Protein backbone atom coordinates (compact mmCIF):
# COMPACT_ATOMS: atom_id res chain seq x y z
CA MET A 1 21.13 13.48 24.03
CA LEU A 2 18.53 11.00 25.28
CA SER A 3 19.58 7.46 26.05
CA ASN A 4 17.80 4.55 24.40
CA ASN A 5 15.84 4.02 27.62
CA ALA A 6 14.66 7.63 27.70
CA SER A 7 13.33 7.46 24.16
CA ILE A 8 10.79 4.81 25.21
CA ILE A 9 9.81 6.39 28.52
CA LYS A 10 6.97 8.87 28.37
CA THR A 11 4.86 10.92 30.75
CA GLY A 12 2.66 8.70 32.91
CA ASP A 13 4.79 5.56 32.60
CA TRP A 14 5.37 3.66 35.85
CA ILE A 15 9.02 3.09 36.60
CA LYS A 16 11.36 1.66 39.16
CA GLY A 17 14.86 2.88 39.56
CA GLU A 18 17.72 3.83 41.77
CA SER A 19 18.24 7.35 43.06
CA ARG A 20 21.68 8.93 42.99
CA ASP A 21 21.94 7.93 46.68
CA GLY A 22 21.25 4.27 45.81
CA GLU A 23 17.66 4.17 47.12
CA LEU A 24 14.99 2.12 45.38
CA VAL A 25 12.30 4.35 43.85
CA ILE A 26 8.95 3.32 42.40
CA GLY A 27 6.84 5.99 40.80
CA TYR A 28 5.67 7.46 37.53
CA ILE A 29 7.15 9.85 35.00
CA GLU A 30 5.89 13.37 35.56
CA SER A 31 7.87 14.65 32.57
CA PRO A 32 10.89 13.62 30.54
CA LEU A 33 13.76 16.12 30.39
CA PHE A 34 16.19 16.72 27.55
CA ASP A 35 19.37 16.38 29.57
CA GLY A 36 19.16 12.60 30.10
CA ALA A 37 16.94 12.96 33.16
CA VAL A 38 13.28 12.53 34.04
CA ASN A 39 11.02 14.01 36.69
CA VAL A 40 9.59 11.14 38.75
CA THR A 41 6.72 11.38 41.22
CA VAL A 42 7.71 8.94 43.96
CA VAL A 43 5.01 6.54 45.17
CA ASN A 44 7.28 4.24 47.18
CA SER A 45 10.94 4.40 48.16
CA ASP A 46 13.52 3.23 50.64
CA ASN A 47 13.69 6.90 51.62
CA LYS A 48 10.21 7.63 53.01
CA GLU A 49 10.93 11.38 52.90
CA THR A 50 10.75 11.34 49.09
CA VAL A 51 7.37 9.56 48.91
CA GLY A 52 4.81 11.90 47.34
CA LYS A 53 7.48 14.25 46.00
CA THR A 54 8.73 14.76 42.46
CA ILE A 55 12.45 14.18 42.03
CA GLN A 56 14.85 14.21 39.09
CA MET A 57 16.48 10.94 38.15
CA LEU A 58 18.86 9.99 35.39
CA SER A 59 16.95 8.16 32.67
CA LYS A 60 19.65 5.47 32.58
CA ARG A 61 18.82 4.65 36.23
CA VAL A 62 15.11 3.99 35.62
CA LYS A 63 13.33 1.08 34.03
CA LYS A 64 9.78 1.16 32.75
CA LEU A 65 7.52 -1.25 34.60
CA PRO A 66 5.36 -3.48 32.41
CA ASP A 67 1.76 -2.42 32.00
CA SER A 68 -0.35 -4.57 34.26
CA MET A 69 -3.78 -5.86 33.50
CA VAL A 70 -6.01 -5.21 36.48
CA THR A 71 -7.98 -8.36 37.13
CA ASN A 72 -9.38 -8.16 40.64
CA ARG A 73 -11.22 -5.79 42.94
CA GLU A 74 -8.30 -5.26 45.33
CA GLN A 75 -6.01 -4.13 42.51
CA ILE A 76 -8.63 -1.67 41.27
CA LEU A 77 -9.17 -0.29 44.80
CA PHE A 78 -5.40 0.17 45.22
CA GLN A 79 -5.17 1.98 41.89
CA ILE A 80 -8.16 4.17 42.82
CA ASP A 81 -6.26 5.19 45.97
CA LEU A 82 -3.25 6.05 43.78
CA ALA A 83 -5.41 8.06 41.40
CA LEU A 84 -6.89 10.00 44.32
CA SER A 85 -3.50 10.65 45.91
CA THR A 86 -2.07 11.89 42.61
CA GLY A 87 -5.14 13.95 41.68
CA ASP A 88 -5.64 12.06 38.39
CA GLU A 89 -9.38 12.54 37.84
CA GLU A 90 -9.49 10.85 34.43
CA TRP A 91 -7.81 7.69 35.77
CA PHE A 92 -10.06 7.74 38.86
CA LEU A 93 -13.18 7.87 36.68
CA GLU A 94 -11.89 5.06 34.45
CA LEU A 95 -11.12 2.85 37.44
CA SER A 96 -14.44 3.66 39.12
CA SER A 97 -16.22 2.60 35.96
CA LYS A 98 -14.33 -0.72 35.96
CA LEU A 99 -15.21 -1.26 39.63
CA ASN A 100 -18.89 -0.52 38.98
CA SER A 101 -18.90 -2.93 36.04
CA MET A 102 -17.46 -5.63 38.29
CA ARG A 103 -20.13 -4.94 40.92
CA GLN A 104 -22.92 -5.14 38.33
CA LEU A 105 -21.53 -8.40 37.00
CA ALA A 106 -21.34 -9.83 40.52
CA GLU A 107 -24.92 -8.74 41.27
CA GLY A 108 -26.07 -10.38 38.03
CA VAL A 109 -24.44 -13.67 39.05
CA HIS A 110 -26.20 -13.59 42.43
CA LEU A 111 -29.58 -12.89 40.81
CA THR A 112 -29.34 -15.90 38.49
CA LYS A 113 -28.65 -18.40 41.27
C-alpha cells in the first residue's frame, strides 16, 4: 500500500530525502514502486558514490521539493547542465528556448538605449 506521500509523488518530481544509511539525498523520481518505495536518480548526496546513480528509497523518507520558478540566467544554465547530465532532451530544448528568449530580450533592451 502506498503512503500518503507516495500518492502525490510522481515520475520526474524533485525530492530530498534520507537514505536508509541516514545520508541526505537530492534527486528526482525515476519511477514510483508499489511496495512503498521509489526509484530516485541521485543528483547530490552526502555519499558522493551514489551521485548519478538510481537508488531505491522508502517513499516515507522522501519529500517532494516545491516547483521553482526559474527567474535568472544562472538558474537556467544550471538546469541545462542537469538536463544534459540526465539525458532529458525535451527539458534541455525547453530550457534552451527560455535562455534564447532572455538573450533576445536583453539584446532588444540594448538596441533601444
